[in-house]
């Protein structure tokens, strides 16, 4: 079973998406802020990270930059999940190093396709 790290500060969004992904066969662990996400990724090496951008402590852009700059975590695919739906935000997320980008509210089938693609290219 592949582990997905879900970095999301909104408890309702975090719980809802974690349950949906678990039902699809993934093991899901969560972090409530960017620093927790960085720490967990370094310690546990998940197969994939779903990263919100508007996070406390360390925002998602910076967390993504740090993870992609670290030899230990740079191989982990990161899919940004965000309500920031402007083209500029998408470009900024890719510049930070994310591997894919999706908007909220989450459309599960679209997200599952992106997860499958990211895990296949790993």
PDB file of N, CA and C in Angstrom:
ATOM      1  N   UNK A   1       0.830  -1.175   0.000  1.00  0.00           N
ATOM      2  CA  UNK A   1       0.000   0.000   0.000  1.00  0.00           C
ATOM      3  C   UNK A   1       0.888   1.256   0.000  1.00  0.00           C
ATOM      4  N   UNK A   2       0.654   2.152  -0.937  1.00  0.00           N
ATOM      5  CA  UNK A   2       1.467   3.356  -1.034  1.00  0.00           C
ATOM      6  C   UNK A   2       0.963   4.431  -0.075  1.00  0.00           C
ATOM      7  N   UNK A   3       1.916   5.154   0.509  1.00  0.00           N
ATOM      8  CA  UNK A   3       1.575   6.187   1.475  1.00  0.00           C
ATOM      9  C   UNK A   3       1.578   7.558   0.815  1.00  0.00           C
ATOM     10  N   UNK A   4       0.507   8.303   1.057  1.00  0.00           N
ATOM     11  CA  UNK A   4       0.391   9.686   0.604  1.00  0.00           C
ATOM     12  C   UNK A   4       0.426  10.577   1.834  1.00  0.00           C
ATOM     13  N   UNK A   5       1.253  11.607   1.769  1.00  0.00           N
ATOM     14  CA  UNK A   5       1.288  12.629   2.801  1.00  0.00           C
ATOM     15  C   UNK A   5       0.390  13.771   2.343  1.00  0.00           C
ATOM     16  N   UNK A   6      -0.645  14.075   3.110  1.00  0.00           N
ATOM     17  CA  UNK A   6      -1.566  15.163   2.818  1.00  0.00           C
ATOM     18  C   UNK A   6      -1.254  16.312   3.761  1.00  0.00           C
ATOM     19  N   UNK A   7      -0.753  17.416   3.200  1.00  0.00           N
ATOM     20  CA  UNK A   7      -0.406  18.593   3.996  1.00  0.00           C
ATOM     21  C   UNK A   7      -1.517  19.615   3.776  1.00  0.00           C
ATOM     22  N   UNK A   8      -2.375  19.752   4.773  1.00  0.00           N
ATOM     23  CA  UNK A   8      -3.588  20.576   4.658  1.00  0.00           C
ATOM     24  C   UNK A   8      -3.941  21.112   6.044  1.00  0.00           C
ATOM     25  N   UNK A   9      -4.114  22.415   6.171  1.00  0.00           N
ATOM     26  CA  UNK A   9      -4.413  22.990   7.481  1.00  0.00           C
ATOM     27  C   UNK A   9      -5.902  22.993   7.828  1.00  0.00           C
ATOM     28  N   UNK A  10      -6.774  22.879   6.839  1.00  0.00           N
ATOM     29  CA  UNK A  10      -8.211  22.876   7.099  1.00  0.00           C
ATOM     30  C   UNK A  10      -8.641  21.467   7.504  1.00  0.00           C
ATOM     31  N   UNK A  11      -9.087  21.323   8.749  1.00  0.00           N
ATOM     32  CA  UNK A  11      -9.404  20.002   9.288  1.00  0.00           C
ATOM     33  C   UNK A  11     -10.472  19.272   8.476  1.00  0.00           C
ATOM     34  N   UNK A  12     -11.515  19.986   8.060  1.00  0.00           N
ATOM     35  CA  UNK A  12     -12.580  19.341   7.299  1.00  0.00           C
ATOM     36  C   UNK A  12     -12.067  18.843   5.949  1.00  0.00           C
ATOM     37  N   UNK A  13     -11.299  19.666   5.243  1.00  0.00           N
ATOM     38  CA  UNK A  13     -10.726  19.249   3.964  1.00  0.00           C
ATOM     39  C   UNK A  13      -9.777  18.074   4.149  1.00  0.00           C
ATOM     40  N   UNK A  14      -8.954  18.142   5.182  1.00  0.00           N
ATOM     41  CA  UNK A  14      -7.965  17.098   5.453  1.00  0.00           C
ATOM     42  C   UNK A  14      -8.650  15.762   5.731  1.00  0.00           C
ATOM     43  N   UNK A  15      -9.631  15.781   6.616  1.00  0.00           N
ATOM     44  CA  UNK A  15     -10.310  14.538   6.983  1.00  0.00           C
ATOM     45  C   UNK A  15     -11.088  13.954   5.811  1.00  0.00           C
ATOM     46  N   UNK A  16     -11.805  14.799   5.081  1.00  0.00           N
ATOM     47  CA  UNK A  16     -12.612  14.332   3.954  1.00  0.00           C
ATOM     48  C   UNK A  16     -11.734  13.696   2.880  1.00  0.00           C
ATOM     49  N   UNK A  17     -10.659  14.368   2.492  1.00  0.00           N
ATOM     50  CA  UNK A  17      -9.801  13.835   1.435  1.00  0.00           C
ATOM     51  C   UNK A  17      -9.046  12.598   1.911  1.00  0.00           C
ATOM     52  N   UNK A  18      -8.604  12.594   3.145  1.00  0.00           N
ATOM     53  CA  UNK A  18      -7.901  11.419   3.675  1.00  0.00           C
ATOM     54  C   UNK A  18      -8.813  10.188   3.639  1.00  0.00           C
ATOM     55  N   UNK A  19     -10.066  10.344   4.035  1.00  0.00           N
ATOM     56  CA  UNK A  19     -11.003   9.210   4.007  1.00  0.00           C
ATOM     57  C   UNK A  19     -11.238   8.730   2.580  1.00  0.00           C
ATOM     58  N   UNK A  20     -11.397   9.660   1.651  1.00  0.00           N
ATOM     59  CA  UNK A  20     -11.657   9.278   0.258  1.00  0.00           C
ATOM     60  C   UNK A  20     -10.461   8.538  -0.341  1.00  0.00           C
ATOM     61  N   UNK A  21      -9.256   9.003  -0.057  1.00  0.00           N
ATOM     62  CA  UNK A  21      -8.059   8.345  -0.582  1.00  0.00           C
ATOM     63  C   UNK A  21      -7.834   6.987   0.078  1.00  0.00           C
ATOM     64  N   UNK A  22      -8.153   6.878   1.352  1.00  0.00           N
ATOM     65  CA  UNK A  22      -8.033   5.594   2.047  1.00  0.00           C
ATOM     66  C   UNK A  22      -8.970   4.569   1.415  1.00  0.00           C
ATOM     67  N   UNK A  23     -10.180   4.990   1.086  1.00  0.00           N
ATOM     68  CA  UNK A  23     -11.128   4.076   0.434  1.00  0.00           C
ATOM     69  C   UNK A  23     -10.638   3.642  -0.945  1.00  0.00           C
ATOM     70  N   UNK A  24      -9.762   4.432  -1.549  1.00  0.00           N
ATOM     71  CA  UNK A  24      -9.198   4.078  -2.857  1.00  0.00           C
ATOM     72  C   UNK A  24      -7.932   3.232  -2.726  1.00  0.00           C
ATOM     73  N   UNK A  25      -7.570   2.856  -1.489  1.00  0.00           N
ATOM     74  CA  UNK A  25      -6.465   1.929  -1.298  1.00  0.00           C
ATOM     75  C   UNK A  25      -5.144   2.530  -0.882  1.00  0.00           C
ATOM     76  N   UNK A  26      -5.115   3.809  -0.587  1.00  0.00           N
ATOM     77  CA  UNK A  26      -3.871   4.447  -0.154  1.00  0.00           C
ATOM     78  C   UNK A  26      -3.808   4.500   1.369  1.00  0.00           C
ATOM     79  N   UNK A  27      -2.601   4.486   1.887  1.00  0.00           N
ATOM     80  CA  UNK A  27      -2.371   4.804   3.287  1.00  0.00           C
ATOM     81  C   UNK A  27      -2.133   6.312   3.318  1.00  0.00           C
ATOM     82  N   UNK A  28      -2.873   7.023   4.148  1.00  0.00           N
ATOM     83  CA  UNK A  28      -2.772   8.483   4.169  1.00  0.00           C
ATOM     84  C   UNK A  28      -2.341   8.944   5.549  1.00  0.00           C
ATOM     85  N   UNK A  29      -1.311   9.772   5.562  1.00  0.00           N
ATOM     86  CA  UNK A  29      -0.882  10.445   6.776  1.00  0.00           C
ATOM     87  C   UNK A  29      -1.043  11.930   6.530  1.00  0.00           C
ATOM     88  N   UNK A  30      -1.254  12.686   7.601  1.00  0.00           N
ATOM     89  CA  UNK A  30      -1.544  14.102   7.417  1.00  0.00           C
ATOM     90  C   UNK A  30      -0.604  14.978   8.223  1.00  0.00           C
ATOM     91  N   UNK A  31      -0.472  16.199   7.736  1.00  0.00           N
ATOM     92  CA  UNK A  31       0.259  17.246   8.437  1.00  0.00           C
ATOM     93  C   UNK A  31      -0.591  18.505   8.359  1.00  0.00           C
ATOM     94  N   UNK A  32      -0.557  19.301   9.431  1.00  0.00           N
ATOM     95  CA  UNK A  32      -1.401  20.485   9.517  1.00  0.00           C
ATOM     96  C   UNK A  32      -0.703  21.765   9.087  1.00  0.00           C
ATOM     97  N   UNK A  33       0.606  21.727   8.923  1.00  0.00           N
ATOM     98  CA  UNK A  33       1.325  22.914   8.459  1.00  0.00           C
ATOM     99  C   UNK A  33       2.541  22.475   7.641  1.00  0.00           C
ATOM    100  N   UNK A  34       3.143  23.439   6.967  1.00  0.00           N
ATOM    101  CA  UNK A  34       4.254  23.124   6.078  1.00  0.00           C
ATOM    102  C   UNK A  34       5.452  22.517   6.778  1.00  0.00           C
ATOM    103  N   UNK A  35       5.754  22.983   7.991  1.00  0.00           N
ATOM    104  CA  UNK A  35       6.910  22.427   8.702  1.00  0.00           C
ATOM    105  C   UNK A  35       6.675  20.980   9.088  1.00  0.00           C
ATOM    106  N   UNK A  36       5.455  20.651   9.540  1.00  0.00           N
ATOM    107  CA  UNK A  36       5.141  19.258   9.840  1.00  0.00           C
ATOM    108  C   UNK A  36       5.278  18.404   8.580  1.00  0.00           C
ATOM    109  N   UNK A  37       4.846  18.949   7.446  1.00  0.00           N
ATOM    110  CA  UNK A  37       4.961  18.228   6.178  1.00  0.00           C
ATOM    111  C   UNK A  37       6.404  17.947   5.811  1.00  0.00           C
ATOM    112  N   UNK A  38       7.256  18.943   5.957  1.00  0.00           N
ATOM    113  CA  UNK A  38       8.684  18.780   5.671  1.00  0.00           C
ATOM    114  C   UNK A  38       9.280  17.713   6.587  1.00  0.00           C
ATOM    115  N   UNK A  39       8.973  17.836   7.876  1.00  0.00           N
ATOM    116  CA  UNK A  39       9.515  16.888   8.859  1.00  0.00           C
ATOM    117  C   UNK A  39       9.064  15.467   8.552  1.00  0.00           C
ATOM    118  N   UNK A  40       7.774  15.291   8.294  1.00  0.00           N
ATOM    119  CA  UNK A  40       7.268  13.947   8.026  1.00  0.00           C
ATOM    120  C   UNK A  40       7.896  13.377   6.755  1.00  0.00           C
ATOM    121  N   UNK A  41       7.982  14.178   5.698  1.00  0.00           N
ATOM    122  CA  UNK A  41       8.553  13.693   4.437  1.00  0.00           C
ATOM    123  C   UNK A  41       9.994  13.229   4.638  1.00  0.00           C
ATOM    124  N   UNK A  42      10.753  13.965   5.424  1.00  0.00           N
ATOM    125  CA  UNK A  42      12.138  13.577   5.700  1.00  0.00           C
ATOM    126  C   UNK A  42      12.215  12.279   6.493  1.00  0.00           C
ATOM    127  N   UNK A  43      11.334  12.117   7.460  1.00  0.00           N
ATOM    128  CA  UNK A  43      11.376  10.943   8.331  1.00  0.00           C
ATOM    129  C   UNK A  43      10.792   9.693   7.678  1.00  0.00           C
ATOM    130  N   UNK A  44       9.678   9.837   6.972  1.00  0.00           N
ATOM    131  CA  UNK A  44       8.909   8.682   6.527  1.00  0.00           C
ATOM    132  C   UNK A  44       8.971   8.372   5.033  1.00  0.00           C
ATOM    133  N   UNK A  45       9.418   9.305   4.225  1.00  0.00           N
ATOM    134  CA  UNK A  45       9.563   9.073   2.783  1.00  0.00           C
ATOM    135  C   UNK A  45       8.266   8.550   2.131  1.00  0.00           C
ATOM    136  N   UNK A  46       7.198   9.346   2.139  1.00  0.00           N
ATOM    137  CA  UNK A  46       5.954   8.900   1.495  1.00  0.00           C
ATOM    138  C   UNK A  46       6.152   8.751  -0.007  1.00  0.00           C
ATOM    139  N   UNK A  47       5.245   8.024  -0.644  1.00  0.00           N
ATOM    140  CA  UNK A  47       5.325   7.839  -2.095  1.00  0.00           C
ATOM    141  C   UNK A  47       4.964   9.115  -2.838  1.00  0.00           C
ATOM    142  N   UNK A  48       4.130   9.969  -2.230  1.00  0.00           N
ATOM    143  CA  UNK A  48       3.644  11.175  -2.891  1.00  0.00           C
ATOM    144  C   UNK A  48       3.182  12.157  -1.825  1.00  0.00           C
ATOM    145  N   UNK A  49       3.252  13.451  -2.145  1.00  0.00           N
ATOM    146  CA  UNK A  49       2.795  14.501  -1.240  1.00  0.00           C
ATOM    147  C   UNK A  49       1.725  15.325  -1.935  1.00  0.00           C
ATOM    148  N   UNK A  50       0.609  15.540  -1.238  1.00  0.00           N
ATOM    149  CA  UNK A  50      -0.410  16.490  -1.667  1.00  0.00           C
ATOM    150  C   UNK A  50      -0.234  17.718  -0.786  1.00  0.00           C
ATOM    151  N   UNK A  51       0.069  18.862  -1.400  1.00  0.00           N
ATOM    152  CA  UNK A  51       0.492  20.047  -0.661  1.00  0.00           C
ATOM    153  C   UNK A  51      -0.452  21.220  -0.899  1.00  0.00           C
ATOM    154  N   UNK A  52      -1.095  21.683   0.177  1.00  0.00           N
ATOM    155  CA  UNK A  52      -1.836  22.935   0.124  1.00  0.00           C
ATOM    156  C   UNK A  52      -0.803  24.060   0.052  1.00  0.00           C
ATOM    157  N   UNK A  53      -1.193  25.220  -0.444  1.00  0.00           N
ATOM    158  CA  UNK A  53      -0.259  26.339  -0.517  1.00  0.00           C
ATOM    159  C   UNK A  53      -0.409  27.306   0.651  1.00  0.00           C
ATOM    160  N   UNK A  54      -1.629  27.555   1.080  1.00  0.00           N
ATOM    161  CA  UNK A  54      -1.884  28.491   2.181  1.00  0.00           C
ATOM    162  C   UNK A  54      -1.828  27.729   3.499  1.00  0.00           C
ATOM    163  N   UNK A  55      -0.621  27.628   4.031  1.00  0.00           N
ATOM    164  CA  UNK A  55      -0.382  26.861   5.253  1.00  0.00           C
ATOM    165  C   UNK A  55       0.254  27.741   6.321  1.00  0.00           C
ATOM    166  N   UNK A  56      -0.015  27.437   7.599  1.00  0.00           N
ATOM    167  CA  UNK A  56       0.692  28.153   8.663  1.00  0.00           C
ATOM    168  C   UNK A  56       2.122  27.637   8.828  1.00  0.00           C
ATOM    169  N   UNK A  57       2.895  28.350   9.584  1.00  0.00           N
ATOM    170  CA  UNK A  57       4.287  28.069   9.941  1.00  0.00           C
ATOM    171  C   UNK A  57       5.194  28.200   8.713  1.00  0.00           C
ATOM    172  N   UNK A  58       5.097  27.286   7.763  1.00  0.00           N
ATOM    173  CA  UNK A  58       5.819  27.368   6.486  1.00  0.00           C
ATOM    174  C   UNK A  58       4.770  27.171   5.393  1.00  0.00           C
ATOM    175  N   UNK A  59       4.656  28.131   4.470  1.00  0.00           N
ATOM    176  CA  UNK A  59       3.627  27.982   3.434  1.00  0.00           C
ATOM    177  C   UNK A  59       4.006  26.886   2.438  1.00  0.00           C
ATOM    178  N   UNK A  60       3.050  26.487   1.626  1.00  0.00           N
ATOM    179  CA  UNK A  60       3.256  25.373   0.702  1.00  0.00           C
ATOM    180  C   UNK A  60       4.308  25.630  -0.357  1.00  0.00           C
ATOM    181  N   UNK A  61       4.423  26.888  -0.791  1.00  0.00           N
ATOM    182  CA  UNK A  61       5.463  27.205  -1.774  1.00  0.00           C
ATOM    183  C   UNK A  61       6.844  26.945  -1.178  1.00  0.00           C
ATOM    184  N   UNK A  62       7.073  27.460   0.029  1.00  0.00           N
ATOM    185  CA  UNK A  62       8.378  27.287   0.674  1.00  0.00           C
ATOM    186  C   UNK A  62       8.621  25.827   1.054  1.00  0.00           C
ATOM    187  N   UNK A  63       7.596  25.150   1.540  1.00  0.00           N
ATOM    188  CA  UNK A  63       7.755  23.736   1.886  1.00  0.00           C
ATOM    189  C   UNK A  63       8.145  22.932   0.647  1.00  0.00           C
ATOM    190  N   UNK A  64       7.505  23.226  -0.487  1.00  0.00           N
ATOM    191  CA  UNK A  64       7.839  22.541  -1.736  1.00  0.00           C
ATOM    192  C   UNK A  64       9.276  22.832  -2.143  1.00  0.00           C
ATOM    193  N   UNK A  65       9.681  24.097  -2.068  1.00  0.00           N
ATOM    194  CA  UNK A  65      11.072  24.452  -2.412  1.00  0.00           C
ATOM    195  C   UNK A  65      12.060  23.683  -1.539  1.00  0.00           C
ATOM    196  N   UNK A  66      11.794  23.635  -0.239  1.00  0.00           N
ATOM    197  CA  UNK A  66      12.713  22.943   0.668  1.00  0.00           C
ATOM    198  C   UNK A  66      12.761  21.442   0.381  1.00  0.00           C
ATOM    199  N   UNK A  67      11.616  20.842   0.130  1.00  0.00           N
ATOM    200  CA  UNK A  67      11.585  19.403  -0.156  1.00  0.00           C
ATOM    201  C   UNK A  67      12.310  19.075  -1.455  1.00  0.00           C
ATOM    202  N   UNK A  68      12.148  19.910  -2.467  1.00  0.00           N
ATOM    203  CA  UNK A  68      12.792  19.656  -3.761  1.00  0.00           C
ATOM    204  C   UNK A  68      14.284  19.984  -3.739  1.00  0.00           C
ATOM    205  N   UNK A  69      14.724  20.804  -2.781  1.00  0.00           N
ATOM    206  CA  UNK A  69      16.147  21.131  -2.662  1.00  0.00           C
ATOM    207  C   UNK A  69      16.905  20.108  -1.811  1.00  0.00           C
ATOM    208  N   UNK A  70      16.173  19.232  -1.137  1.00  0.00           N
ATOM    209  CA  UNK A  70      16.769  18.260  -0.224  1.00  0.00           C
ATOM    210  C   UNK A  70      17.018  16.942  -0.970  1.00  0.00           C
ATOM    211  N   UNK A  71      18.242  16.454  -0.937  1.00  0.00           N
ATOM    212  CA  UNK A  71      18.586  15.191  -1.610  1.00  0.00           C
ATOM    213  C   UNK A  71      17.712  14.031  -1.145  1.00  0.00           C
ATOM    214  N   UNK A  72      17.322  14.050   0.113  1.00  0.00           N
ATOM    215  CA  UNK A  72      16.553  12.955   0.702  1.00  0.00           C
ATOM    216  C   UNK A  72      15.086  12.938   0.234  1.00  0.00           C
ATOM    217  N   UNK A  73      14.556  14.105  -0.175  1.00  0.00           N
ATOM    218  CA  UNK A  73      13.128  14.188  -0.504  1.00  0.00           C
ATOM    219  C   UNK A  73      12.829  14.683  -1.917  1.00  0.00           C
ATOM    220  N   UNK A  74      13.843  15.079  -2.664  1.00  0.00           N
ATOM    221  CA  UNK A  74      13.576  15.695  -3.968  1.00  0.00           C
ATOM    222  C   UNK A  74      12.904  14.744  -4.964  1.00  0.00           C
ATOM    223  N   UNK A  75      13.027  13.444  -4.748  1.00  0.00           N
ATOM    224  CA  UNK A  75      12.425  12.460  -5.662  1.00  0.00           C
ATOM    225  C   UNK A  75      10.922  12.268  -5.428  1.00  0.00           C
ATOM    226  N   UNK A  76      10.411  12.736  -4.297  1.00  0.00           N
ATOM    227  CA  UNK A  76       8.997  12.512  -3.959  1.00  0.00           C
ATOM    228  C   UNK A  76       8.129  13.451  -4.790  1.00  0.00           C
ATOM    229  N   UNK A  77       7.193  12.906  -5.572  1.00  0.00           N
ATOM    230  CA  UNK A  77       6.305  13.777  -6.350  1.00  0.00           C
ATOM    231  C   UNK A  77       5.426  14.618  -5.420  1.00  0.00           C
ATOM    232  N   UNK A  78       5.267  15.885  -5.786  1.00  0.00           N
ATOM    233  CA  UNK A  78       4.413  16.800  -5.025  1.00  0.00           C
ATOM    234  C   UNK A  78       3.333  17.329  -5.953  1.00  0.00           C
ATOM    235  N   UNK A  79       2.086  17.109  -5.564  1.00  0.00           N
ATOM    236  CA  UNK A  79       0.947  17.681  -6.275  1.00  0.00           C
ATOM    237  C   UNK A  79       0.367  18.768  -5.382  1.00  0.00           C
ATOM    238  N   UNK A  80       0.351  19.974  -5.898  1.00  0.00           N
ATOM    239  CA  UNK A  80      -0.233  21.088  -5.165  1.00  0.00           C
ATOM    240  C   UNK A  80      -1.748  21.009  -5.279  1.00  0.00           C
ATOM    241  N   UNK A  81      -2.424  21.160  -4.139  1.00  0.00           N
ATOM    242  CA  UNK A  81      -3.883  21.264  -4.092  1.00  0.00           C
ATOM    243  C   UNK A  81      -4.207  22.618  -3.487  1.00  0.00           C
ATOM    244  N   UNK A  82      -4.889  23.472  -4.245  1.00  0.00           N
ATOM    245  CA  UNK A  82      -5.082  24.816  -3.743  1.00  0.00           C
ATOM    246  C   UNK A  82      -6.337  25.478  -4.282  1.00  0.00           C
ATOM    247  N   UNK A  83      -6.829  26.410  -3.514  1.00  0.00           N
ATOM    248  CA  UNK A  83      -7.923  27.266  -3.978  1.00  0.00           C
ATOM    249  C   UNK A  83      -7.358  28.418  -4.811  1.00  0.00           C
ATOM    250  N   UNK A  84      -6.047  28.583  -4.820  1.00  0.00           N
ATOM    251  CA  UNK A  84      -5.392  29.600  -5.653  1.00  0.00           C
ATOM    252  C   UNK A  84      -5.454  29.122  -7.102  1.00  0.00           C
ATOM    253  N   UNK A  85      -6.430  29.620  -7.836  1.00  0.00           N
ATOM    254  CA  UNK A  85      -6.683  29.082  -9.174  1.00  0.00           C
ATOM    255  C   UNK A  85      -6.223  30.003 -10.295  1.00  0.00           C
ATOM    256  N   UNK A  86      -5.489  31.039  -9.982  1.00  0.00           N
ATOM    257  CA  UNK A  86      -5.007  31.955 -11.013  1.00  0.00           C
ATOM    258  C   UNK A  86      -3.794  31.339 -11.728  1.00  0.00           C
ATOM    259  N   UNK A  87      -3.661  31.642 -13.017  1.00  0.00           N
ATOM    260  CA  UNK A  87      -2.523  31.134 -13.795  1.00  0.00           C
ATOM    261  C   UNK A  87      -1.201  31.481 -13.126  1.00  0.00           C
ATOM    262  N   UNK A  88      -1.128  32.675 -12.562  1.00  0.00           N
ATOM    263  CA  UNK A  88       0.082  33.114 -11.883  1.00  0.00           C
ATOM    264  C   UNK A  88       0.432  32.195 -10.714  1.00  0.00           C
ATOM    265  N   UNK A  89      -0.595  31.758  -9.968  1.00  0.00           N
ATOM    266  CA  UNK A  89      -0.373  30.857  -8.842  1.00  0.00           C
ATOM    267  C   UNK A  89       0.137  29.506  -9.321  1.00  0.00           C
ATOM    268  N   UNK A  90      -0.428  29.026 -10.425  1.00  0.00           N
ATOM    269  CA  UNK A  90       0.017  27.751 -10.989  1.00  0.00           C
ATOM    270  C   UNK A  90       1.479  27.842 -11.408  1.00  0.00           C
ATOM    271  N   UNK A  91       1.841  28.916 -12.106  1.00  0.00           N
ATOM    272  CA  UNK A  91       3.225  29.093 -12.537  1.00  0.00           C
ATOM    273  C   UNK A  91       4.162  29.198 -11.335  1.00  0.00           C
ATOM    274  N   UNK A  92       3.734  29.903 -10.302  1.00  0.00           N
ATOM    275  CA  UNK A  92       4.549  30.039  -9.093  1.00  0.00           C
ATOM    276  C   UNK A  92       4.754  28.676  -8.422  1.00  0.00           C
ATOM    277  N   UNK A  93       3.710  27.852  -8.412  1.00  0.00           N
ATOM    278  CA  UNK A  93       3.821  26.516  -7.811  1.00  0.00           C
ATOM    279  C   UNK A  93       4.813  25.653  -8.595  1.00  0.00           C
ATOM    280  N   UNK A  94       4.769  25.727  -9.916  1.00  0.00           N
ATOM    281  CA  UNK A  94       5.723  24.948 -10.721  1.00  0.00           C
ATOM    282  C   UNK A  94       7.146  25.473 -10.535  1.00  0.00           C
ATOM    283  N   UNK A  95       7.306  26.778 -10.425  1.00  0.00           N
ATOM    284  CA  UNK A  95       8.640  27.344 -10.165  1.00  0.00           C
ATOM    285  C   UNK A  95       9.176  26.874  -8.811  1.00  0.00           C
ATOM    286  N   UNK A  96       8.277  26.668  -7.849  1.00  0.00           N
ATOM    287  CA  UNK A  96       8.699  26.180  -6.527  1.00  0.00           C
ATOM    288  C   UNK A  96       9.132  24.717  -6.581  1.00  0.00           C
ATOM    289  N   UNK A  97       8.724  23.998  -7.659  1.00  0.00           N
ATOM    290  CA  UNK A  97       9.179  22.622  -7.830  1.00  0.00           C
ATOM    291  C   UNK A  97       8.104  21.564  -7.806  1.00  0.00           C
ATOM    292  N   UNK A  98       6.836  21.958  -7.744  1.00  0.00           N
ATOM    293  CA  UNK A  98       5.799  20.918  -7.702  1.00  0.00           C
ATOM    294  C   UNK A  98       5.787  20.140  -9.017  1.00  0.00           C
ATOM    295  N   UNK A  99       5.303  18.926  -8.948  1.00  0.00           N
ATOM    296  CA  UNK A  99       5.247  18.046 -10.113  1.00  0.00           C
ATOM    297  C   UNK A  99       3.916  18.146 -10.848  1.00  0.00           C
ATOM    298  N   UNK A 100       2.875  18.561 -10.133  1.00  0.00           N
ATOM    299  CA  UNK A 100       1.557  18.749 -10.742  1.00  0.00           C
ATOM    300  C   UNK A 100       0.771  19.703  -9.866  1.00  0.00           C
ATOM    301  N   UNK A 101      -0.377  20.133 -10.372  1.00  0.00           N
ATOM    302  CA  UNK A 101      -1.158  21.197  -9.750  1.00  0.00           C
ATOM    303  C   UNK A 101      -2.624  20.867  -9.930  1.00  0.00           C
ATOM    304  N   UNK A 102      -3.407  20.994  -8.873  1.00  0.00           N
ATOM    305  CA  UNK A 102      -4.849  20.790  -8.976  1.00  0.00           C
ATOM    306  C   UNK A 102      -5.541  21.801  -8.078  1.00  0.00           C
ATOM    307  N   UNK A 103      -6.763  22.146  -8.437  1.00  0.00           N
ATOM    308  CA  UNK A 103      -7.490  23.165  -7.706  1.00  0.00           C
ATOM    309  C   UNK A 103      -8.559  22.555  -6.809  1.00  0.00           C
ATOM    310  N   UNK A 104      -8.919  23.315  -5.796  1.00  0.00           N
ATOM    311  CA  UNK A 104     -10.019  22.965  -4.910  1.00  0.00           C
ATOM    312  C   UNK A 104     -11.253  23.713  -5.403  1.00  0.00           C
ATOM    313  N   UNK A 105     -12.432  23.177  -5.202  1.00  0.00           N
ATOM    314  CA  UNK A 105     -12.673  21.916  -4.518  1.00  0.00           C
ATOM    315  C   UNK A 105     -12.147  20.740  -5.339  1.00  0.00           C
ATOM    316  N   UNK A 106     -11.694  19.725  -4.628  1.00  0.00           N
ATOM    317  CA  UNK A 106     -11.082  18.557  -5.257  1.00  0.00           C
ATOM    318  C   UNK A 106     -12.128  17.755  -6.022  1.00  0.00           C
ATOM    319  N   UNK A 107     -11.806  17.452  -7.257  1.00  0.00           N
ATOM    320  CA  UNK A 107     -12.595  16.497  -8.048  1.00  0.00           C
ATOM    321  C   UNK A 107     -11.798  15.201  -7.991  1.00  0.00           C
ATOM    322  N   UNK A 108     -12.309  14.238  -7.227  1.00  0.00           N
ATOM    323  CA  UNK A 108     -11.528  13.051  -6.876  1.00  0.00           C
ATOM    324  C   UNK A 108     -11.009  12.295  -8.092  1.00  0.00           C
ATOM    325  N   UNK A 109     -11.826  12.069  -9.091  1.00  0.00           N
ATOM    326  CA  UNK A 109     -11.365  11.292 -10.253  1.00  0.00           C
ATOM    327  C   UNK A 109     -10.214  11.993 -10.966  1.00  0.00           C
ATOM    328  N   UNK A 110     -10.288  13.310 -11.096  1.00  0.00           N
ATOM    329  CA  UNK A 110      -9.194  14.062 -11.727  1.00  0.00           C
ATOM    330  C   UNK A 110      -7.931  13.959 -10.879  1.00  0.00           C
ATOM    331  N   UNK A 111      -8.071  14.090  -9.569  1.00  0.00           N
ATOM    332  CA  UNK A 111      -6.919  13.984  -8.681  1.00  0.00           C
ATOM    333  C   UNK A 111      -6.316  12.586  -8.726  1.00  0.00           C
ATOM    334  N   UNK A 112      -7.152  11.558  -8.742  1.00  0.00           N
ATOM    335  CA  UNK A 112      -6.644  10.185  -8.809  1.00  0.00           C
ATOM    336  C   UNK A 112      -5.841   9.949 -10.086  1.00  0.00           C
ATOM    337  N   UNK A 113      -6.258  10.553 -11.193  1.00  0.00           N
ATOM    338  CA  UNK A 113      -5.486  10.446 -12.443  1.00  0.00           C
ATOM    339  C   UNK A 113      -4.116  11.084 -12.281  1.00  0.00           C
ATOM    340  N   UNK A 114      -4.066  12.239 -11.640  1.00  0.00           N
ATOM    341  CA  UNK A 114      -2.791  12.927 -11.431  1.00  0.00           C
ATOM    342  C   UNK A 114      -1.895  12.132 -10.483  1.00  0.00           C
ATOM    343  N   UNK A 115      -2.494  11.538  -9.456  1.00  0.00           N
ATOM    344  CA  UNK A 115      -1.721  10.710  -8.526  1.00  0.00           C
ATOM    345  C   UNK A 115      -1.142   9.500  -9.255  1.00  0.00           C
ATOM    346  N   UNK A 116      -1.969   8.828 -10.056  1.00  0.00           N
ATOM    347  CA  UNK A 116      -1.503   7.655 -10.798  1.00  0.00           C
ATOM    348  C   UNK A 116      -0.360   8.031 -11.737  1.00  0.00           C
ATOM    349  N   UNK A 117      -0.487   9.146 -12.421  1.00  0.00           N
ATOM    350  CA  UNK A 117       0.558   9.606 -13.349  1.00  0.00           C
ATOM    351  C   UNK A 117       1.854   9.902 -12.588  1.00  0.00           C
ATOM    352  N   UNK A 118       1.738  10.582 -11.469  1.00  0.00           N
ATOM    353  CA  UNK A 118       2.938  10.937 -10.681  1.00  0.00           C
ATOM    354  C   UNK A 118       3.617   9.682 -10.123  1.00  0.00           C
ATOM    355  N   UNK A 119       2.826   8.739  -9.649  1.00  0.00           N
ATOM    356  CA  UNK A 119       3.413   7.518  -9.078  1.00  0.00           C
ATOM    357  C   UNK A 119       4.011   6.631 -10.156  1.00  0.00           C
ATOM    358  N   UNK A 120       3.451   6.648 -11.356  1.00  0.00           N
ATOM    359  CA  UNK A 120       3.971   5.838 -12.462  1.00  0.00           C
ATOM    360  C   UNK A 120       5.319   6.374 -12.951  1.00  0.00           C
ATOM    361  N   UNK A 121       5.531   7.682 -12.840  1.00  0.00           N
ATOM    362  CA  UNK A 121       6.776   8.268 -13.338  1.00  0.00           C
ATOM    363  C   UNK A 121       7.856   8.273 -12.268  1.00  0.00           C
ATOM    364  N   UNK A 122       7.551   7.781 -11.102  1.00  0.00           N
ATOM    365  CA  UNK A 122       8.499   7.767  -9.983  1.00  0.00           C
ATOM    366  C   UNK A 122       9.662   6.845 -10.252  1.00  0.00           C
TER     367      UNK A 122
END
